[in-house]
């Protein structure tokens, strides 16, 4: 899988770090490392739609730009009603 081969290229902006931490409610020092860990998990479901990769794992969805490997956002999965 192309995304997994290029995990070292993953990065995000300062605002991206804040958005990821806020949306997921996590208190970690390195949000990129946190995302890398989840993306490389055997349980991760990775699919590409257009210009983005969508990784579903541990009750959250991580969105990564397929060309720049920028983590755009991450959020918790909504519960189905």
C-alpha atoms as a PDB file:
ATOM      1  CA  UNK A   1       0.000   0.000   0.000  1.00  0.00           C
ATOM      2  CA  UNK A   2       1.428   3.347  -1.074  1.00  0.00           C
ATOM      3  CA  UNK A   3       0.448   5.190   2.100  1.00  0.00           C
ATOM      4  CA  UNK A   4       2.167   2.642   4.332  1.00  0.00           C
ATOM      5  CA  UNK A   5       5.348   2.798   2.216  1.00  0.00           C
ATOM      6  CA  UNK A   6       5.463   6.575   2.724  1.00  0.00           C
ATOM      7  CA  UNK A   7       4.592   6.853   6.435  1.00  0.00           C
ATOM      8  CA  UNK A   8       7.839   8.757   7.070  1.00  0.00           C
ATOM      9  CA  UNK A   9       6.521  11.587   4.865  1.00  0.00           C
ATOM     10  CA  UNK A  10       3.453  12.149   7.069  1.00  0.00           C
ATOM     11  CA  UNK A  11       3.234  15.630   8.540  1.00  0.00           C
ATOM     12  CA  UNK A  12       0.704  18.306   9.398  1.00  0.00           C
ATOM     13  CA  UNK A  13       0.520  22.026  10.106  1.00  0.00           C
ATOM     14  CA  UNK A  14       0.426  23.658  13.533  1.00  0.00           C
ATOM     15  CA  UNK A  15      -3.302  24.223  13.064  1.00  0.00           C
ATOM     16  CA  UNK A  16      -3.639  20.589  11.979  1.00  0.00           C
ATOM     17  CA  UNK A  17      -2.093  19.432  15.268  1.00  0.00           C
ATOM     18  CA  UNK A  18      -4.568  21.548  17.232  1.00  0.00           C
ATOM     19  CA  UNK A  19      -7.509  20.314  15.134  1.00  0.00           C
ATOM     20  CA  UNK A  20      -6.527  16.634  15.514  1.00  0.00           C
ATOM     21  CA  UNK A  21      -6.068  16.925  19.287  1.00  0.00           C
ATOM     22  CA  UNK A  22      -9.341  18.825  19.723  1.00  0.00           C
ATOM     23  CA  UNK A  23     -11.424  16.556  17.467  1.00  0.00           C
ATOM     24  CA  UNK A  24     -10.133  13.341  19.027  1.00  0.00           C
ATOM     25  CA  UNK A  25      -9.817  14.619  22.584  1.00  0.00           C
ATOM     26  CA  UNK A  26      -6.220  13.399  22.875  1.00  0.00           C
ATOM     27  CA  UNK A  27      -3.484  14.851  25.072  1.00  0.00           C
ATOM     28  CA  UNK A  28      -0.290  13.695  23.373  1.00  0.00           C
ATOM     29  CA  UNK A  29       2.926  15.553  22.612  1.00  0.00           C
ATOM     30  CA  UNK A  30       3.175  14.385  18.994  1.00  0.00           C
ATOM     31  CA  UNK A  31      -0.108  14.143  17.075  1.00  0.00           C
ATOM     32  CA  UNK A  32       1.683  13.036  13.887  1.00  0.00           C
ATOM     33  CA  UNK A  33       3.343  10.103  15.689  1.00  0.00           C
ATOM     34  CA  UNK A  34      -0.035   9.236  17.242  1.00  0.00           C
ATOM     35  CA  UNK A  35      -1.616   9.137  13.770  1.00  0.00           C
ATOM     36  CA  UNK A  36       1.305   7.159  12.283  1.00  0.00           C
ATOM     37  CA  UNK A  37       0.902   4.570  15.018  1.00  0.00           C
ATOM     38  CA  UNK A  38      -2.814   4.179  14.251  1.00  0.00           C
ATOM     39  CA  UNK A  39      -2.323   4.124  10.467  1.00  0.00           C
ATOM     40  CA  UNK A  40       0.303   1.368  10.699  1.00  0.00           C
ATOM     41  CA  UNK A  41      -1.955  -0.732  12.948  1.00  0.00           C
ATOM     42  CA  UNK A  42      -3.088  -4.074  11.469  1.00  0.00           C
ATOM     43  CA  UNK A  43      -6.683  -3.099  12.312  1.00  0.00           C
ATOM     44  CA  UNK A  44      -6.546   0.069  10.162  1.00  0.00           C
ATOM     45  CA  UNK A  45      -8.848   0.134   7.138  1.00  0.00           C
ATOM     46  CA  UNK A  46      -7.239   2.337   4.489  1.00  0.00           C
ATOM     47  CA  UNK A  47      -9.038   3.525   1.381  1.00  0.00           C
ATOM     48  CA  UNK A  48      -8.308   6.184  -1.172  1.00  0.00           C
ATOM     49  CA  UNK A  49     -11.081   8.398  -2.486  1.00  0.00           C
ATOM     50  CA  UNK A  50      -9.914  10.994  -4.988  1.00  0.00           C
ATOM     51  CA  UNK A  51      -7.042  13.058  -3.625  1.00  0.00           C
ATOM     52  CA  UNK A  52      -7.287  11.779  -0.033  1.00  0.00           C
ATOM     53  CA  UNK A  53      -6.601   8.658   1.977  1.00  0.00           C
ATOM     54  CA  UNK A  54      -9.172   7.821   4.665  1.00  0.00           C
ATOM     55  CA  UNK A  55      -7.968   5.619   7.496  1.00  0.00           C
ATOM     56  CA  UNK A  56     -10.578   4.147   9.839  1.00  0.00           C
ATOM     57  CA  UNK A  57      -9.133   2.731  13.060  1.00  0.00           C
ATOM     58  CA  UNK A  58      -9.831   2.729  16.815  1.00  0.00           C
ATOM     59  CA  UNK A  59     -13.163   4.536  16.405  1.00  0.00           C
ATOM     60  CA  UNK A  60     -11.765   7.441  14.417  1.00  0.00           C
ATOM     61  CA  UNK A  61     -11.165   8.518  10.824  1.00  0.00           C
ATOM     62  CA  UNK A  62      -7.860  10.128   9.813  1.00  0.00           C
ATOM     63  CA  UNK A  63      -7.786  12.063   6.520  1.00  0.00           C
ATOM     64  CA  UNK A  64      -4.448  12.343   4.668  1.00  0.00           C
ATOM     65  CA  UNK A  65      -3.744  14.148   1.391  1.00  0.00           C
ATOM     66  CA  UNK A  66      -2.549  11.495  -1.086  1.00  0.00           C
ATOM     67  CA  UNK A  67      -0.022  13.756  -2.825  1.00  0.00           C
ATOM     68  CA  UNK A  68       1.601  15.741  -0.014  1.00  0.00           C
ATOM     69  CA  UNK A  69       1.063  13.213   2.834  1.00  0.00           C
ATOM     70  CA  UNK A  70      -0.334  16.017   4.975  1.00  0.00           C
ATOM     71  CA  UNK A  71      -2.678  14.894   7.739  1.00  0.00           C
ATOM     72  CA  UNK A  72      -5.658  17.132   7.072  1.00  0.00           C
ATOM     73  CA  UNK A  73      -7.868  16.183   9.985  1.00  0.00           C
ATOM     74  CA  UNK A  74      -9.002  13.374  12.225  1.00  0.00           C
ATOM     75  CA  UNK A  75     -12.296  12.911  13.996  1.00  0.00           C
ATOM     76  CA  UNK A  76     -14.226  10.345  15.990  1.00  0.00           C
ATOM     77  CA  UNK A  77     -16.658   8.088  14.184  1.00  0.00           C
ATOM     78  CA  UNK A  78     -20.259   9.044  14.784  1.00  0.00           C
ATOM     79  CA  UNK A  79     -22.449   6.447  16.417  1.00  0.00           C
ATOM     80  CA  UNK A  80     -25.145   5.077  14.134  1.00  0.00           C
ATOM     81  CA  UNK A  81     -28.633   5.756  15.485  1.00  0.00           C
END
